[in-house]
Amino acid sequence: MYIKLSMKGIYLILLIYINCAILQSCTDEPPCQDALNPNCPNFNPCLNKKPVTADFEIGMTGNPSAITPFTDMFEEDTLFPKAAIRFRAKTKGAKYIWKLGSETIYDSAFTRTFYNAPYGRYSVTLIIEKDPDLACFPGDDGKDTLTRYFYIIERCKLQSTGSYKGVWEGKKDSFIFKISHIYRQTQSYWDTCNNFEFVIVNSRNYNISQDTIDSWDVGESITGNNFCMFRGGISEMINGEFRINPLTKKIKFDYTYNHGDHHVIFNGRKL
């Protein structure tokens, strides 16, 4: 069958074809570009996987022999006062061999106290074995070893110890306060680098008269290299956290006092 089309008919067919092409291009979704989606053409099943690694974290925690507000705390660092330190592997479901001094540990994580340890540098080694993912890492033998170092230092050398200047939120005048470590006997105090107790001088000169607080007044407290944490006791004198950025020296002191009736935030930097 032969159909003869006029120029007008040919033009109409071309116009319909062009319109359909434009409509199709507008309705088609852009191609999937999610490398984690198996339905996408660029799917990469190895993108978020890693070869077997002995990498691990070192952090300050609460006393493992007592239930305290800091029992589950973990503050990663390499500089510590005489404190409880937790070591935990990043790889799950492996065989673990830790070497800490003369001790060998076979758990994925463990805590040791350094309350009576001499100041100085310490090393800890993790040896790990796990079935490798050969589809993604054909050269992985499933074994790795890593040694990391950490330091026990005097409390007066912690980043969190020192004098700070800044302002409370909602206030205009600048203010200076100091965190120091002390030895206390009855009503006498001596500055020291070794004691567990610490004082905050002028920390509460906000709207009330008392300007010095020691850790006995706050129920329970803990001091690390870049932070102090307070958990109020019966008196609820102070409850909150102090943190310092070790690079910029900027600080934030966020706490409540008087049974939580007053909440204040102090921003500043170390002098």
C-alpha atoms as a PDB file:
ATOM      1  CA  MET A   1       0.000   0.000   0.000  1.00  0.00           C
ATOM      2  CA  TYR A   2       1.418   3.350  -0.970  1.00  0.00           C
ATOM      3  CA  ILE A   3       0.445   6.502   0.897  1.00  0.00           C
ATOM      4  CA  LYS A   4       1.263   9.809  -0.623  1.00  0.00           C
ATOM      5  CA  LEU A   5       1.882  12.548   1.919  1.00  0.00           C
ATOM      6  CA  SER A   6       1.728  16.186   1.251  1.00  0.00           C
ATOM      7  CA  MET A   7       4.327  18.584   2.626  1.00  0.00           C
ATOM      8  CA  LYS A   8       1.812  19.598   5.240  1.00  0.00           C
ATOM      9  CA  GLY A   9       1.411  15.987   6.345  1.00  0.00           C
ATOM     10  CA  ILE A  10       5.174  15.443   6.509  1.00  0.00           C
ATOM     11  CA  TYR A  11       5.548  18.598   8.598  1.00  0.00           C
ATOM     12  CA  LEU A  12       2.822  17.408  10.978  1.00  0.00           C
ATOM     13  CA  ILE A  13       4.510  14.028  11.470  1.00  0.00           C
ATOM     14  CA  LEU A  14       7.853  15.676  12.170  1.00  0.00           C
ATOM     15  CA  LEU A  15       6.233  18.023  14.671  1.00  0.00           C
ATOM     16  CA  ILE A  16       4.607  15.091  16.529  1.00  0.00           C
ATOM     17  CA  TYR A  17       7.926  13.218  16.602  1.00  0.00           C
ATOM     18  CA  ILE A  18       9.814  16.211  17.994  1.00  0.00           C
ATOM     19  CA  ASN A  19       7.166  16.833  20.643  1.00  0.00           C
ATOM     20  CA  CYS A  20       7.265  13.182  21.729  1.00  0.00           C
ATOM     21  CA  ALA A  21      11.068  13.301  21.976  1.00  0.00           C
ATOM     22  CA  ILE A  22      10.939  16.444  24.085  1.00  0.00           C
ATOM     23  CA  LEU A  23       8.231  14.969  26.319  1.00  0.00           C
ATOM     24  CA  GLN A  24      10.209  11.760  26.787  1.00  0.00           C
ATOM     25  CA  SER A  25      13.358  13.686  27.744  1.00  0.00           C
ATOM     26  CA  CYS A  26      11.396  15.669  30.334  1.00  0.00           C
ATOM     27  CA  THR A  27       9.798  12.650  31.945  1.00  0.00           C
ATOM     28  CA  ASP A  28      12.920  10.455  32.153  1.00  0.00           C
ATOM     29  CA  GLU A  29      14.586  10.539  35.579  1.00  0.00           C
ATOM     30  CA  PRO A  30      18.307  11.318  35.645  1.00  0.00           C
ATOM     31  CA  PRO A  31      20.486   8.225  35.862  1.00  0.00           C
ATOM     32  CA  CYS A  32      21.167   6.922  39.374  1.00  0.00           C
ATOM     33  CA  GLN A  33      24.535   8.028  40.739  1.00  0.00           C
ATOM     34  CA  ASP A  34      24.500   6.424  44.200  1.00  0.00           C
ATOM     35  CA  ALA A  35      27.596   4.256  44.492  1.00  0.00           C
ATOM     36  CA  LEU A  36      26.099   2.505  47.532  1.00  0.00           C
ATOM     37  CA  ASN A  37      22.860   1.560  45.721  1.00  0.00           C
ATOM     38  CA  PRO A  38      23.052  -1.874  44.019  1.00  0.00           C
ATOM     39  CA  ASN A  39      20.505  -0.687  41.450  1.00  0.00           C
ATOM     40  CA  CYS A  40      22.740   2.114  40.190  1.00  0.00           C
ATOM     41  CA  PRO A  41      25.171   1.608  37.294  1.00  0.00           C
ATOM     42  CA  ASN A  42      28.067   3.046  39.326  1.00  0.00           C
ATOM     43  CA  PHE A  43      27.441   0.762  42.341  1.00  0.00           C
ATOM     44  CA  ASN A  44      30.670  -0.006  44.225  1.00  0.00           C
ATOM     45  CA  PRO A  45      30.274  -2.807  46.803  1.00  0.00           C
ATOM     46  CA  CYS A  46      33.715  -2.049  48.266  1.00  0.00           C
ATOM     47  CA  LEU A  47      33.221   1.675  48.784  1.00  0.00           C
ATOM     48  CA  ASN A  48      32.616   1.593  52.550  1.00  0.00           C
ATOM     49  CA  LYS A  49      34.728  -1.452  53.279  1.00  0.00           C
ATOM     50  CA  LYS A  50      38.275  -1.544  54.591  1.00  0.00           C
ATOM     51  CA  PRO A  51      40.977  -4.179  54.752  1.00  0.00           C
ATOM     52  CA  VAL A  52      41.571  -5.809  58.117  1.00  0.00           C
ATOM     53  CA  THR A  53      43.105  -3.172  60.378  1.00  0.00           C
ATOM     54  CA  ALA A  54      44.437  -3.139  63.923  1.00  0.00           C
ATOM     55  CA  ASP A  55      43.476   0.505  64.394  1.00  0.00           C
ATOM     56  CA  PHE A  56      42.146   1.271  67.873  1.00  0.00           C
ATOM     57  CA  GLU A  57      41.113   4.118  70.165  1.00  0.00           C
ATOM     58  CA  ILE A  58      42.562   5.257  73.489  1.00  0.00           C
ATOM     59  CA  GLY A  59      40.374   7.291  75.812  1.00  0.00           C
ATOM     60  CA  MET A  60      39.845   8.384  79.390  1.00  0.00           C
ATOM     61  CA  THR A  61      36.957   6.784  81.266  1.00  0.00           C
ATOM     62  CA  GLY A  62      35.543   6.439  84.755  1.00  0.00           C
ATOM     63  CA  ASN A  63      36.857   4.232  87.526  1.00  0.00           C
ATOM     64  CA  PRO A  64      35.970   0.653  86.444  1.00  0.00           C
ATOM     65  CA  SER A  65      35.693  -0.531  90.063  1.00  0.00           C
ATOM     66  CA  ALA A  66      32.854   1.866  90.922  1.00  0.00           C
ATOM     67  CA  ILE A  67      29.531   2.903  89.409  1.00  0.00           C
ATOM     68  CA  THR A  68      29.743   6.653  88.820  1.00  0.00           C
ATOM     69  CA  PRO A  69      28.271   9.165  86.349  1.00  0.00           C
ATOM     70  CA  PHE A  70      31.469   8.655  84.341  1.00  0.00           C
ATOM     71  CA  THR A  71      31.352   4.848  84.090  1.00  0.00           C
ATOM     72  CA  ASP A  72      30.426   4.853  80.391  1.00  0.00           C
ATOM     73  CA  MET A  73      32.397   7.959  79.494  1.00  0.00           C
ATOM     74  CA  PHE A  74      35.022   7.762  76.740  1.00  0.00           C
ATOM     75  CA  GLU A  75      37.173  10.790  75.854  1.00  0.00           C
ATOM     76  CA  GLU A  76      39.728   9.946  73.181  1.00  0.00           C
ATOM     77  CA  ASP A  77      43.194  11.443  73.655  1.00  0.00           C
ATOM     78  CA  THR A  78      46.857  10.542  74.068  1.00  0.00           C
ATOM     79  CA  LEU A  79      47.589  12.778  77.072  1.00  0.00           C
ATOM     80  CA  PHE A  80      46.105  11.750  80.409  1.00  0.00           C
ATOM     81  CA  PRO A  81      46.400  12.505  84.104  1.00  0.00           C
ATOM     82  CA  LYS A  82      46.655   9.577  86.490  1.00  0.00           C
ATOM     83  CA  ALA A  83      43.311   8.108  85.525  1.00  0.00           C
ATOM     84  CA  ALA A  84      41.424   5.113  84.150  1.00  0.00           C
ATOM     85  CA  ILE A  85      42.132   4.603  80.432  1.00  0.00           C
ATOM     86  CA  ARG A  86      40.132   2.478  78.004  1.00  0.00           C
ATOM     87  CA  PHE A  87      41.484   0.809  74.882  1.00  0.00           C
ATOM     88  CA  ARG A  88      39.083  -0.449  72.195  1.00  0.00           C
ATOM     89  CA  ALA A  89      39.584  -1.952  68.747  1.00  0.00           C
ATOM     90  CA  LYS A  90      37.726  -0.515  65.764  1.00  0.00           C
ATOM     91  CA  THR A  91      37.442  -3.842  63.918  1.00  0.00           C
ATOM     92  CA  LYS A  92      34.570  -6.034  65.079  1.00  0.00           C
ATOM     93  CA  GLY A  93      34.412  -9.834  65.228  1.00  0.00           C
ATOM     94  CA  ALA A  94      38.149 -10.519  65.098  1.00  0.00           C
ATOM     95  CA  LYS A  95      40.795 -12.278  67.145  1.00  0.00           C
ATOM     96  CA  TYR A  96      42.543  -9.747  69.403  1.00  0.00           C
ATOM     97  CA  ILE A  97      45.901  -9.833  71.159  1.00  0.00           C
ATOM     98  CA  TRP A  98      46.853  -6.719  73.136  1.00  0.00           C
ATOM     99  CA  LYS A  99      50.267  -6.077  74.643  1.00  0.00           C
ATOM    100  CA  LEU A 100      50.369  -3.510  77.454  1.00  0.00           C
ATOM    101  CA  GLY A 101      53.609  -3.707  79.408  1.00  0.00           C
ATOM    102  CA  SER A 102      54.001  -7.314  80.541  1.00  0.00           C
ATOM    103  CA  GLU A 103      50.262  -7.961  80.255  1.00  0.00           C
ATOM    104  CA  THR A 104      48.465  -9.743  77.386  1.00  0.00           C
ATOM    105  CA  ILE A 105      44.733  -9.138  76.848  1.00  0.00           C
ATOM    106  CA  TYR A 106      42.431 -10.977  74.434  1.00  0.00           C
ATOM    107  CA  ASP A 107      39.270  -8.836  74.492  1.00  0.00           C
ATOM    108  CA  SER A 108      38.165  -6.294  71.884  1.00  0.00           C
ATOM    109  CA  ALA A 109      38.275  -3.573  74.558  1.00  0.00           C
ATOM    110  CA  PHE A 110      39.567  -3.226  78.110  1.00  0.00           C
ATOM    111  CA  THR A 111      40.208  -0.626  80.821  1.00  0.00           C
ATOM    112  CA  ARG A 112      43.216  -0.198  83.065  1.00  0.00           C
ATOM    113  CA  THR A 113      43.842   2.299  85.861  1.00  0.00           C
ATOM    114  CA  PHE A 114      47.018   4.380  85.976  1.00  0.00           C
ATOM    115  CA  TYR A 115      46.388   5.989  89.346  1.00  0.00           C
ATOM    116  CA  ASN A 116      49.789   4.935  90.697  1.00  0.00           C
ATOM    117  CA  ALA A 117      51.720   4.797  87.430  1.00  0.00           C
ATOM    118  CA  PRO A 118      54.850   6.913  86.986  1.00  0.00           C
ATOM    119  CA  TYR A 119      54.641   9.884  84.647  1.00  0.00           C
ATOM    120  CA  GLY A 120      55.953   9.263  81.156  1.00  0.00           C
ATOM    121  CA  ARG A 121      55.332   7.591  77.810  1.00  0.00           C
ATOM    122  CA  TYR A 122      53.585   4.234  77.504  1.00  0.00           C
ATOM    123  CA  SER A 123      52.978   1.968  74.513  1.00  0.00           C
ATOM    124  CA  VAL A 124      50.156  -0.427  73.715  1.00  0.00           C
ATOM    125  CA  THR A 125      50.099  -2.866  70.790  1.00  0.00           C
ATOM    126  CA  LEU A 126      47.156  -4.596  69.125  1.00  0.00           C
ATOM    127  CA  ILE A 127      47.609  -7.684  66.941  1.00  0.00           C
ATOM    128  CA  ILE A 128      44.479  -8.606  65.028  1.00  0.00           C
ATOM    129  CA  GLU A 129      43.363 -11.506  62.814  1.00  0.00           C
ATOM    130  CA  LYS A 130      40.151 -11.763  60.822  1.00  0.00           C
ATOM    131  CA  ASP A 131      38.939 -13.446  57.639  1.00  0.00           C
ATOM    132  CA  PRO A 132      39.646 -10.864  54.919  1.00  0.00           C
ATOM    133  CA  ASP A 133      37.232  -9.689  52.239  1.00  0.00           C
ATOM    134  CA  LEU A 134      39.171 -11.000  49.265  1.00  0.00           C
ATOM    135  CA  ALA A 135      36.569  -9.826  46.763  1.00  0.00           C
ATOM    136  CA  CYS A 136      37.394  -6.240  47.644  1.00  0.00           C
ATOM    137  CA  PHE A 137      40.962  -6.649  48.889  1.00  0.00           C
ATOM    138  CA  PRO A 138      42.579  -9.656  47.176  1.00  0.00           C
ATOM    139  CA  GLY A 139      45.970  -8.861  48.693  1.00  0.00           C
ATOM    140  CA  ASP A 140      44.727  -8.735  52.313  1.00  0.00           C
ATOM    141  CA  ASP A 141      46.055 -11.558  54.506  1.00  0.00           C
ATOM    142  CA  GLY A 142      43.656 -10.754  57.362  1.00  0.00           C
ATOM    143  CA  LYS A 143      46.405  -9.794  59.789  1.00  0.00           C
ATOM    144  CA  ASP A 144      47.556  -6.429  61.102  1.00  0.00           C
ATOM    145  CA  THR A 145      49.569  -4.988  63.990  1.00  0.00           C
ATOM    146  CA  LEU A 146      49.558  -1.472  65.383  1.00  0.00           C
ATOM    147  CA  THR A 147      51.447   0.166  68.248  1.00  0.00           C
ATOM    148  CA  ARG A 148      50.305   3.479  69.684  1.00  0.00           C
ATOM    149  CA  TYR A 149      51.780   5.668  72.413  1.00  0.00           C
ATOM    150  CA  PHE A 150      50.122   7.639  75.186  1.00  0.00           C
ATOM    151  CA  TYR A 151      51.395   9.783  78.029  1.00  0.00           C
ATOM    152  CA  ILE A 152      50.644  10.140  81.733  1.00  0.00           C
ATOM    153  CA  ILE A 153      51.342  13.762  82.654  1.00  0.00           C
ATOM    154  CA  GLU A 154      51.029  15.986  85.696  1.00  0.00           C
ATOM    155  CA  ARG A 155      47.636  17.583  86.124  1.00  0.00           C
ATOM    156  CA  CYS A 156      48.996  21.103  86.003  1.00  0.00           C
ATOM    157  CA  LYS A 157      50.227  20.344  82.469  1.00  0.00           C
ATOM    158  CA  LEU A 158      46.758  19.428  81.189  1.00  0.00           C
ATOM    159  CA  GLN A 159      45.211  21.730  78.601  1.00  0.00           C
ATOM    160  CA  SER A 160      42.221  22.116  80.928  1.00  0.00           C
ATOM    161  CA  THR A 161      44.378  23.609  83.691  1.00  0.00           C
ATOM    162  CA  GLY A 162      44.956  27.352  83.583  1.00  0.00           C
ATOM    163  CA  SER A 163      43.332  30.789  83.376  1.00  0.00           C
ATOM    164  CA  TYR A 164      40.578  31.743  80.954  1.00  0.00           C
ATOM    165  CA  LYS A 165      38.979  34.960  79.802  1.00  0.00           C
ATOM    166  CA  GLY A 166      35.600  35.359  78.140  1.00  0.00           C
ATOM    167  CA  VAL A 167      31.969  36.299  78.667  1.00  0.00           C
ATOM    168  CA  TRP A 168      28.804  34.613  79.802  1.00  0.00           C
ATOM    169  CA  GLU A 169      26.022  34.477  77.255  1.00  0.00           C
ATOM    170  CA  GLY A 170      23.694  37.410  77.897  1.00  0.00           C
ATOM    171  CA  LYS A 171      26.408  39.443  79.623  1.00  0.00           C
ATOM    172  CA  LYS A 172      28.632  42.198  78.227  1.00  0.00           C
ATOM    173  CA  ASP A 173      31.570  42.383  80.636  1.00  0.00           C
ATOM    174  CA  SER A 174      34.485  39.996  80.197  1.00  0.00           C
ATOM    175  CA  PHE A 175      35.502  37.760  83.051  1.00  0.00           C
ATOM    176  CA  ILE A 176      38.547  35.719  84.110  1.00  0.00           C
ATOM    177  CA  PHE A 177      38.491  32.442  86.004  1.00  0.00           C
ATOM    178  CA  LYS A 178      41.053  29.780  86.776  1.00  0.00           C
ATOM    179  CA  ILE A 179      41.105  25.977  87.049  1.00  0.00           C
ATOM    180  CA  SER A 180      43.859  24.631  89.279  1.00  0.00           C
ATOM    181  CA  HIS A 181      44.639  21.418  91.143  1.00  0.00           C
ATOM    182  CA  ILE A 182      45.027  21.465  94.878  1.00  0.00           C
ATOM    183  CA  TYR A 183      45.678  19.472  97.969  1.00  0.00           C
ATOM    184  CA  ARG A 184      43.114  20.130 100.686  1.00  0.00           C
ATOM    185  CA  GLN A 185      43.351  19.395 104.397  1.00  0.00           C
ATOM    186  CA  THR A 186      40.597  20.809 106.614  1.00  0.00           C
ATOM    187  CA  GLN A 187      40.436  24.457 105.471  1.00  0.00           C
ATOM    188  CA  SER A 188      43.970  24.649 104.092  1.00  0.00           C
ATOM    189  CA  TYR A 189      44.812  24.407 100.379  1.00  0.00           C
ATOM    190  CA  TRP A 190      48.063  23.942  98.496  1.00  0.00           C
ATOM    191  CA  ASP A 191      48.563  24.062  94.748  1.00  0.00           C
ATOM    192  CA  THR A 192      49.789  20.754  93.415  1.00  0.00           C
ATOM    193  CA  CYS A 193      50.222  18.990  90.102  1.00  0.00           C
ATOM    194  CA  ASN A 194      49.478  15.537  91.449  1.00  0.00           C
ATOM    195  CA  ASN A 195      46.218  15.642  93.375  1.00  0.00           C
ATOM    196  CA  PHE A 196      42.897  14.325  92.088  1.00  0.00           C
ATOM    197  CA  GLU A 197      41.005  17.269  93.492  1.00  0.00           C
ATOM    198  CA  PHE A 198      40.789  20.543  91.625  1.00  0.00           C
ATOM    199  CA  VAL A 199      39.256  23.955  92.215  1.00  0.00           C
ATOM    200  CA  ILE A 200      37.632  26.488  89.949  1.00  0.00           C
ATOM    201  CA  VAL A 201      38.334  30.020  91.123  1.00  0.00           C
ATOM    202  CA  ASN A 202      35.781  32.731  90.285  1.00  0.00           C
ATOM    203  CA  SER A 203      33.692  30.248  88.319  1.00  0.00           C
ATOM    204  CA  ARG A 204      30.422  31.247  89.947  1.00  0.00           C
ATOM    205  CA  ASN A 205      30.805  34.970  90.273  1.00  0.00           C
ATOM    206  CA  TYR A 206      27.786  35.396  88.027  1.00  0.00           C
ATOM    207  CA  ASN A 207      24.908  36.509  90.237  1.00  0.00           C
ATOM    208  CA  ILE A 208      25.951  35.031  93.576  1.00  0.00           C
ATOM    209  CA  SER A 209      28.717  35.820  96.024  1.00  0.00           C
ATOM    210  CA  GLN A 210      30.639  32.531  96.268  1.00  0.00           C
ATOM    211  CA  ASP A 211      33.503  32.638  93.803  1.00  0.00           C
ATOM    212  CA  THR A 212      35.475  29.440  94.427  1.00  0.00           C
ATOM    213  CA  ILE A 213      34.336  25.834  94.102  1.00  0.00           C
ATOM    214  CA  ASP A 214      36.318  22.700  94.725  1.00  0.00           C
ATOM    215  CA  SER A 215      35.445  19.223  93.530  1.00  0.00           C
ATOM    216  CA  TRP A 216      34.120  18.227  96.946  1.00  0.00           C
ATOM    217  CA  ASP A 217      31.253  20.650  96.414  1.00  0.00           C
ATOM    218  CA  VAL A 218      30.097  19.243  93.094  1.00  0.00           C
ATOM    219  CA  GLY A 219      29.401  15.645  94.075  1.00  0.00           C
ATOM    220  CA  GLU A 220      31.622  13.959  91.496  1.00  0.00           C
ATOM    221  CA  SER A 221      34.017  15.348  88.939  1.00  0.00           C
ATOM    222  CA  ILE A 222      36.628  14.216  86.469  1.00  0.00           C
ATOM    223  CA  THR A 223      39.405  16.113  84.704  1.00  0.00           C
ATOM    224  CA  GLY A 224      41.054  15.188  81.410  1.00  0.00           C
ATOM    225  CA  ASN A 225      43.430  16.900  79.054  1.00  0.00           C
ATOM    226  CA  ASN A 226      40.775  18.908  77.202  1.00  0.00           C
ATOM    227  CA  PHE A 227      37.794  18.776  79.540  1.00  0.00           C
ATOM    228  CA  CYS A 228      36.360  18.845  83.046  1.00  0.00           C
ATOM    229  CA  MET A 229      33.032  17.214  83.858  1.00  0.00           C
ATOM    230  CA  PHE A 230      30.910  17.831  86.922  1.00  0.00           C
ATOM    231  CA  ARG A 231      27.977  15.826  88.207  1.00  0.00           C
ATOM    232  CA  GLY A 232      26.305  17.530  91.152  1.00  0.00           C
ATOM    233  CA  GLY A 233      25.842  15.674  94.400  1.00  0.00           C
ATOM    234  CA  ILE A 234      23.334  16.382  97.162  1.00  0.00           C
ATOM    235  CA  SER A 235      23.970  20.113  97.043  1.00  0.00           C
ATOM    236  CA  GLU A 236      23.770  20.272  93.234  1.00  0.00           C
ATOM    237  CA  MET A 237      26.258  23.102  93.454  1.00  0.00           C
ATOM    238  CA  ILE A 238      27.437  22.749  89.851  1.00  0.00           C
ATOM    239  CA  ASN A 239      26.602  20.318  87.087  1.00  0.00           C
ATOM    240  CA  GLY A 240      27.967  20.510  83.562  1.00  0.00           C
ATOM    241  CA  GLU A 241      31.017  20.445  81.338  1.00  0.00           C
ATOM    242  CA  PHE A 242      34.054  22.539  80.542  1.00  0.00           C
ATOM    243  CA  ARG A 243      35.864  21.927  77.229  1.00  0.00           C
ATOM    244  CA  ILE A 244      38.857  23.476  75.525  1.00  0.00           C
ATOM    245  CA  ASN A 245      39.942  23.151  71.904  1.00  0.00           C
ATOM    246  CA  PRO A 246      43.670  22.311  72.157  1.00  0.00           C
ATOM    247  CA  LEU A 247      44.400  23.963  68.790  1.00  0.00           C
ATOM    248  CA  THR A 248      42.501  27.240  69.046  1.00  0.00           C
ATOM    249  CA  LYS A 249      42.483  27.430  72.884  1.00  0.00           C
ATOM    250  CA  LYS A 250      38.816  28.399  72.733  1.00  0.00           C
ATOM    251  CA  ILE A 251      36.668  27.164  75.590  1.00  0.00           C
ATOM    252  CA  LYS A 252      33.042  26.575  76.455  1.00  0.00           C
ATOM    253  CA  PHE A 253      31.852  26.165  80.039  1.00  0.00           C
ATOM    254  CA  ASP A 254      28.218  25.018  80.128  1.00  0.00           C
ATOM    255  CA  TYR A 255      26.744  24.278  83.557  1.00  0.00           C
ATOM    256  CA  THR A 256      23.874  24.674  85.991  1.00  0.00           C
ATOM    257  CA  TYR A 257      23.974  25.480  89.706  1.00  0.00           C
ATOM    258  CA  ASN A 258      21.626  25.811  92.675  1.00  0.00           C
ATOM    259  CA  HIS A 259      19.769  22.555  91.980  1.00  0.00           C
ATOM    260  CA  GLY A 260      19.602  23.371  88.285  1.00  0.00           C
ATOM    261  CA  ASP A 261      17.726  26.622  88.812  1.00  0.00           C
ATOM    262  CA  HIS A 262      20.406  28.604  86.972  1.00  0.00           C
ATOM    263  CA  HIS A 263      21.925  27.653  83.604  1.00  0.00           C
ATOM    264  CA  VAL A 264      24.922  29.610  82.334  1.00  0.00           C
ATOM    265  CA  ILE A 265      27.271  29.286  79.369  1.00  0.00           C
ATOM    266  CA  PHE A 266      30.718  30.840  79.328  1.00  0.00           C
ATOM    267  CA  ASN A 267      32.658  31.257  76.048  1.00  0.00           C
ATOM    268  CA  GLY A 268      36.241  32.410  75.954  1.00  0.00           C
ATOM    269  CA  ARG A 269      39.818  31.344  75.439  1.00  0.00           C
ATOM    270  CA  LYS A 270      42.858  30.324  77.457  1.00  0.00           C
ATOM    271  CA  LEU A 271      45.216  33.075  78.560  1.00  0.00           C
END
